[in-house]
Structure formats: C-alpha cells, structure tokens
Amino acid sequence: MRQDALDYSLLAAREATARLGHEDACAYYLRALDIIADRGTSGAGQRIEILLELAASHERTGRSDLAAQRFGQAADASRSAGDPVGLARAALGLQTLGYRSGAQNAELLDLLREASRRLEEAGGPLALWSRVLAALARTLRHGSDQLPGAEVTQVAQRAAQLAAAANDPSALATAKLAVHDAMWIPGTAAARLPVIAEMLDAAQASGDDDRVAEAVTALAGACSSRVRMMAKVSSIECNRCTPSAGPSASRPKMGGRTGTAPVPMTSSS
C-alpha cells in the first residue's frame, strides 16, 4: 500500500513539474520523502533521487536556499550509500545555484573535488566526470579575482578530453565553456575564438539552446574585443605617422603663398 502511495506521489510531482506547478511538485516530493523515511538503507537510492528532484523543484520556485539544503542532503546520503553518481549530481546542482560566499565557495570546491575523485575511483561515467571537472574549473575561475592559475587550465582541459572520449557533445560544449573561461584575460580574444567555435559546434550538435546562446554571447564578446584592439593599434599607428603640429604651422599653404588663401582652380587649370 505504501509503495502505491509513493508511486502516486512521484507521478503527481512529475506531472506538476511538466505543467510548471513547481510549488505543487515540492509538496508531492516532500510527501514521497515521508513515505520512504521508514525504509532505512534499503531505500537509499530512491531517497537520493527524490532529494535531487526536490532540490531542482525548489530552485525553479526561486528558493535557492532550500535547493542548496536539499542538494546538501543528497550529497550526504550519496556519500553514506557509496554512490559517486549521486554525489556528483548533488555537487553539480549546488554549482548551478550561482553566487556563494567565500566559505560556501570553499565547501563547493571540496565537494566537486571529492565527486571527481570518487567518480575516477569507481570508473564512473566519463561525461558526468567531465561535467564535474568543468564545474570545478569554472568555480575556481569565477570564485577569485586573481588571474587563472595552472590548476584551472589543467582541470578545464581534462574536462574537454573526457567529454571527447565519451563522445558526448553536450558535455563537450560545457567543457569548452570552462576552457574558454580559464583562458579569459584581456588580450586573449584571438586565442579564444577557436575554442568558442568548438563550443558552438558541440552545443548545436547536442541541441542545447542555452549553451548555443552562451557560445554566441562569448563569440560576440571576443569579436568586439578584437575590433577594439585593432582600432587601438590602428590609432597608435596613425598617431605615429601624423607629423607634429609645430613645424607644419609655418609651412606654405596651398597655392605657394604663405598666409594667403589658396589660388582658386579655373576651368583652364
């Protein structure tokens, strides 16, 4: 009987999500958690899945604080159950929530590193491992005001290698975004353009409209930077070629007579 109640709650939650009733979905997922609570370790896998879906529903309602709490619970449950995939998904969920304080950012970095390590030890899915490394690289890059160090670049490039090995264009687009972000410092537009092109190709191949939009935005930014740099260089070169104002002021004007108006041109001229 309780299994039926659990199945109905999950079905209702997913139907609510499909019709954008995210508050209702949260209520149904909470009911499912209550039903499964007395199963102990036998229901660990299903509990992790429900926590992840509940966290995503909280995020859709705009309650990032509740989403972070549930992703954290999913990470704890995955760790206890020895589930590296669940741990990785929880870490990725936390990373998508956006801004974090310094302490929260350090905790997320630790979780992403742990998830990467556990996936590697378990021989987990390459595409998922790639996404974890891409999230790690971007968190390292955007969580500091310092120029990107060697770790950021190495992690991003490893993410791209894993995505290519997995033959997963969606993961590859995500990894190429991390590579682009790792490279981004002023004056690197030309070097970033090929990476953006690869990201755009992978995003289009995967049908990921969000990644396509990000690639187009990055492409526009890089092209704009190139144009500004070329304009600056052109301006410098023009300034070098332009004679100084001092001597030119005393030169004869048109017509050969200093201080007089130029001789008008006639039809015979």
Protein backbone atom coordinates (compact mmCIF):
# COMPACT_ATOMS: atom_id res chain seq x y z
CA MET A 1 0.00 0.00 0.00
CA ARG A 2 2.81 2.42 0.91
CA GLN A 3 4.56 1.58 -2.37
CA ASP A 4 1.44 2.65 -4.23
CA ALA A 5 1.32 5.88 -2.25
CA LEU A 6 4.99 6.53 -3.06
CA ASP A 7 4.48 5.85 -6.76
CA TYR A 8 1.44 8.13 -6.88
CA SER A 9 3.30 10.92 -5.08
CA LEU A 10 6.23 10.75 -7.50
CA LEU A 11 3.91 10.61 -10.50
CA ALA A 12 1.98 13.63 -9.22
CA ALA A 13 5.23 15.53 -8.60
CA ARG A 14 6.48 14.92 -12.13
CA GLU A 15 3.14 15.83 -13.66
CA ALA A 16 3.14 19.06 -11.64
CA THR A 17 6.64 19.83 -12.93
CA ALA A 18 5.50 19.23 -16.51
CA ARG A 19 2.73 21.84 -16.12
CA LEU A 20 5.12 24.26 -14.33
CA GLY A 21 3.41 23.73 -10.97
CA HIS A 22 6.70 23.70 -9.09
CA GLU A 23 5.24 24.53 -5.66
CA ASP A 24 2.89 21.54 -6.00
CA ALA A 25 5.81 19.39 -7.13
CA CYS A 26 7.73 20.30 -3.97
CA ALA A 27 4.76 19.23 -1.81
CA TYR A 28 4.49 15.87 -3.57
CA TYR A 29 8.24 15.20 -3.29
CA LEU A 30 8.11 16.02 0.43
CA ARG A 31 5.26 13.54 0.82
CA ALA A 32 7.35 10.93 -1.02
CA LEU A 33 10.24 11.54 1.39
CA ASP A 34 7.93 10.98 4.36
CA ILE A 35 6.71 7.70 2.88
CA ILE A 36 10.21 6.39 2.20
CA ALA A 37 11.66 7.51 5.54
CA ASP A 38 10.99 4.20 7.32
CA ARG A 39 12.82 2.09 4.71
CA GLY A 40 16.28 2.84 6.07
CA THR A 41 19.21 1.89 3.87
CA SER A 42 17.04 -0.24 1.59
CA GLY A 43 15.54 2.92 0.11
CA ALA A 44 18.76 4.96 -0.02
CA GLY A 45 18.98 5.11 -3.80
CA GLN A 46 15.41 6.23 -4.23
CA ARG A 47 15.75 8.77 -1.42
CA ILE A 48 18.78 10.32 -3.15
CA GLU A 49 16.81 10.62 -6.40
CA ILE A 50 13.85 12.24 -4.63
CA LEU A 51 16.13 14.71 -2.83
CA LEU A 52 17.75 15.71 -6.12
CA GLU A 53 14.38 16.23 -7.80
CA LEU A 54 13.05 18.15 -4.79
CA ALA A 55 16.13 20.40 -4.85
CA ALA A 56 15.60 21.12 -8.54
CA SER A 57 11.95 21.96 -7.87
CA HIS A 58 12.93 24.36 -5.08
CA GLU A 59 15.34 26.04 -7.49
CA ARG A 60 12.55 26.51 -10.03
CA THR A 61 10.43 28.26 -7.41
CA GLY A 62 13.28 30.67 -6.74
CA ARG A 63 14.11 29.21 -3.31
CA SER A 64 17.82 28.68 -3.83
CA ASP A 65 18.33 28.40 -0.05
CA LEU A 66 16.03 25.37 0.15
CA ALA A 67 17.54 23.96 -3.04
CA ALA A 68 21.03 24.20 -1.53
CA GLN A 69 19.81 22.45 1.63
CA ARG A 70 18.32 19.54 -0.33
CA PHE A 71 21.33 19.20 -2.62
CA GLY A 72 23.46 19.06 0.52
CA GLN A 73 21.27 16.30 1.96
CA ALA A 74 21.52 14.40 -1.33
CA ALA A 75 25.31 14.69 -1.18
CA ASP A 76 25.38 13.36 2.40
CA ALA A 77 23.06 10.49 1.52
CA SER A 78 25.14 9.63 -1.56
CA ARG A 79 28.34 9.63 0.46
CA SER A 80 26.81 7.30 3.06
CA ALA A 81 25.48 4.98 0.37
CA GLY A 82 28.77 4.93 -1.57
CA ASP A 83 27.02 6.42 -4.61
CA PRO A 84 29.53 8.52 -6.63
CA VAL A 85 26.97 9.37 -9.31
CA GLY A 86 24.51 10.78 -6.77
CA LEU A 87 27.33 12.73 -5.12
CA ALA A 88 28.38 14.19 -8.48
CA ARG A 89 24.83 15.20 -9.36
CA ALA A 90 24.39 16.88 -5.98
CA ALA A 91 27.66 18.78 -6.43
CA LEU A 92 26.63 19.93 -9.91
CA GLY A 93 23.25 21.02 -8.54
CA LEU A 94 24.93 23.18 -5.92
CA GLN A 95 27.25 24.69 -8.52
CA THR A 96 24.33 25.78 -10.71
CA LEU A 97 22.80 27.85 -7.90
CA GLY A 98 25.19 30.73 -8.59
CA TYR A 99 26.72 33.19 -6.17
CA ARG A 100 28.26 31.87 -2.96
CA SER A 101 30.17 33.48 -0.12
CA GLY A 102 33.86 32.69 0.36
CA ALA A 103 33.20 29.88 2.84
CA GLN A 104 30.42 28.38 0.73
CA ASN A 105 32.64 28.53 -2.33
CA ALA A 106 35.40 26.64 -0.49
CA GLU A 107 32.89 23.96 0.56
CA LEU A 108 31.69 23.59 -3.02
CA LEU A 109 35.25 23.26 -4.31
CA ASP A 110 35.89 20.50 -1.77
CA LEU A 111 32.68 18.72 -2.81
CA LEU A 112 33.49 18.94 -6.53
CA ARG A 113 36.99 17.59 -5.94
CA GLU A 114 35.57 14.74 -3.84
CA ALA A 115 32.99 13.93 -6.51
CA SER A 116 35.69 13.88 -9.19
CA ARG A 117 37.90 11.62 -7.12
CA ARG A 118 35.09 9.17 -6.33
CA LEU A 119 33.98 9.00 -9.97
CA GLU A 120 37.53 8.26 -11.03
CA GLU A 121 37.95 5.55 -8.38
CA ALA A 122 34.62 3.94 -9.31
CA GLY A 123 35.17 4.20 -13.06
CA GLY A 124 32.05 6.35 -13.28
CA PRO A 125 30.51 7.82 -16.44
CA LEU A 126 33.05 9.88 -18.37
CA ALA A 127 30.52 12.51 -19.40
CA LEU A 128 29.44 13.09 -15.81
CA TRP A 129 33.06 13.24 -14.66
CA SER A 130 33.73 15.79 -17.40
CA ARG A 131 30.85 17.95 -16.17
CA VAL A 132 32.16 17.81 -12.60
CA LEU A 133 35.63 18.93 -13.73
CA ALA A 134 34.15 21.69 -15.88
CA ALA A 135 32.15 22.92 -12.88
CA LEU A 136 35.31 22.76 -10.75
CA ALA A 137 37.29 24.79 -13.29
CA ARG A 138 34.59 27.47 -13.58
CA THR A 139 34.16 27.68 -9.81
CA LEU A 140 37.90 28.12 -9.38
CA ARG A 141 37.96 30.76 -12.12
CA HIS A 142 34.97 32.82 -11.05
CA GLY A 143 35.46 32.45 -7.31
CA SER A 144 38.62 34.55 -7.32
CA ASP A 145 39.68 37.98 -8.54
CA GLN A 146 43.15 36.63 -9.34
CA LEU A 147 44.31 35.64 -12.81
CA PRO A 148 43.64 31.96 -13.55
CA GLY A 149 46.38 29.63 -12.36
CA ALA A 150 47.67 26.37 -13.79
CA GLU A 151 45.07 24.25 -11.95
CA VAL A 152 42.16 26.00 -13.65
CA THR A 153 43.56 25.42 -17.14
CA GLN A 154 44.55 21.81 -16.46
CA VAL A 155 41.15 20.90 -14.97
CA ALA A 156 39.26 22.52 -17.87
CA GLN A 157 41.39 20.78 -20.49
CA ARG A 158 40.92 17.44 -18.71
CA ALA A 159 37.16 18.01 -18.77
CA ALA A 160 37.30 18.54 -22.54
CA GLN A 161 39.37 15.36 -23.01
CA LEU A 162 36.88 13.28 -21.02
CA ALA A 163 33.90 14.71 -22.90
CA ALA A 164 35.57 13.92 -26.23
CA ALA A 165 36.35 10.37 -25.03
CA ALA A 166 32.71 9.96 -24.00
CA ASN A 167 31.59 11.24 -27.44
CA ASP A 168 29.07 13.46 -25.64
CA PRO A 169 28.56 16.80 -27.46
CA SER A 170 26.60 18.32 -24.57
CA ALA A 171 29.37 17.59 -22.08
CA LEU A 172 31.93 18.80 -24.64
CA ALA A 173 30.13 22.14 -25.01
CA THR A 174 30.14 22.54 -21.24
CA ALA A 175 33.84 21.64 -21.05
CA LYS A 176 34.74 24.07 -23.84
CA LEU A 177 32.96 26.82 -21.91
CA ALA A 178 35.21 26.00 -18.96
CA VAL A 179 38.29 26.11 -21.22
CA HIS A 180 37.17 29.49 -22.56
CA ASP A 181 36.65 30.89 -19.06
CA ALA A 182 40.04 29.55 -17.94
CA MET A 183 41.69 31.39 -20.85
CA TRP A 184 39.84 34.65 -20.38
CA ILE A 185 42.14 37.54 -19.60
CA PRO A 186 42.41 40.82 -21.52
CA GLY A 187 44.14 40.44 -24.87
CA THR A 188 43.25 36.77 -25.46
CA ALA A 189 40.32 37.23 -27.85
CA ALA A 190 42.16 35.75 -30.85
CA ALA A 191 43.19 32.64 -28.91
CA ARG A 192 39.67 32.16 -27.53
CA LEU A 193 37.87 32.34 -30.87
CA PRO A 194 38.69 28.72 -31.95
CA VAL A 195 37.54 27.43 -28.53
CA ILE A 196 34.27 29.35 -28.86
CA ALA A 197 33.75 27.90 -32.34
CA GLU A 198 34.23 24.37 -30.96
CA MET A 199 31.82 25.13 -28.13
CA LEU A 200 29.21 26.40 -30.59
CA ASP A 201 29.57 23.34 -32.82
CA ALA A 202 29.17 20.97 -29.85
CA ALA A 203 26.20 22.90 -28.45
CA GLN A 204 24.43 22.84 -31.81
CA ALA A 205 25.14 19.12 -32.20
CA SER A 206 23.61 18.42 -28.79
CA GLY A 207 20.58 20.65 -29.35
CA ASP A 208 21.40 22.61 -26.19
CA ASP A 209 19.89 26.04 -26.85
CA ASP A 210 21.24 27.51 -23.61
CA ARG A 211 24.81 26.56 -24.49
CA VAL A 212 24.32 27.86 -28.04
CA ALA A 213 23.26 31.22 -26.59
CA GLU A 214 26.29 31.25 -24.29
CA ALA A 215 28.59 30.45 -27.20
CA VAL A 216 27.10 33.22 -29.35
CA THR A 217 27.46 35.68 -26.47
CA ALA A 218 31.09 34.66 -25.94
CA LEU A 219 31.72 34.95 -29.69
CA ALA A 220 30.26 38.45 -29.78
CA GLY A 221 32.38 39.48 -26.81
CA ALA A 222 35.58 38.09 -28.31
CA CYS A 223 34.93 39.71 -31.69
CA SER A 224 34.17 43.02 -30.00
CA SER A 225 37.43 42.80 -28.08
CA ARG A 226 39.31 42.09 -31.32
CA VAL A 227 37.72 45.08 -33.03
CA ARG A 228 38.58 47.38 -30.14
CA MET A 229 42.16 46.11 -30.06
CA MET A 230 42.57 46.56 -33.82
CA ALA A 231 41.12 50.07 -33.59
CA LYS A 232 43.54 50.90 -30.80
CA VAL A 233 46.51 49.59 -32.77
CA SER A 234 45.35 51.49 -35.86
CA SER A 235 45.03 54.67 -33.82
CA ILE A 236 48.55 54.26 -32.45
CA GLU A 237 49.95 53.68 -35.94
CA CYS A 238 48.13 56.74 -37.28
CA ASN A 239 49.49 58.87 -34.48
CA ARG A 240 52.99 57.71 -35.27
CA CYS A 241 52.58 58.63 -38.94
CA THR A 242 50.97 62.05 -38.33
CA PRO A 243 53.51 64.92 -38.30
CA SER A 244 53.67 67.11 -35.22
CA ALA A 245 51.69 70.35 -35.16
CA GLY A 246 54.72 72.67 -34.61
CA PRO A 247 56.62 72.69 -37.92
CA SER A 248 53.51 72.28 -40.07
CA ALA A 249 52.07 75.56 -38.86
CA SER A 250 54.79 77.54 -40.69
CA ARG A 251 54.59 75.62 -43.94
CA PRO A 252 53.27 77.44 -47.02
CA LYS A 253 49.62 76.95 -47.73
CA MET A 254 48.08 75.76 -50.94
CA GLY A 255 48.99 77.98 -53.83
CA GLY A 256 52.56 78.51 -52.62
CA ARG A 257 51.99 81.83 -50.79
CA THR A 258 52.31 81.87 -47.03
CA GLY A 259 49.40 83.43 -45.16
CA THR A 260 47.17 83.89 -48.25
CA ALA A 261 44.16 81.98 -49.43
CA PRO A 262 44.74 79.18 -51.94
CA VAL A 263 44.51 80.10 -55.64
CA PRO A 264 41.09 79.06 -56.97
CA MET A 265 41.00 76.43 -59.69
CA THR A 266 39.76 77.62 -63.10
CA SER A 267 38.35 75.58 -65.92
CA SER A 268 41.57 76.00 -67.87
CA SER A 269 43.54 74.78 -64.88
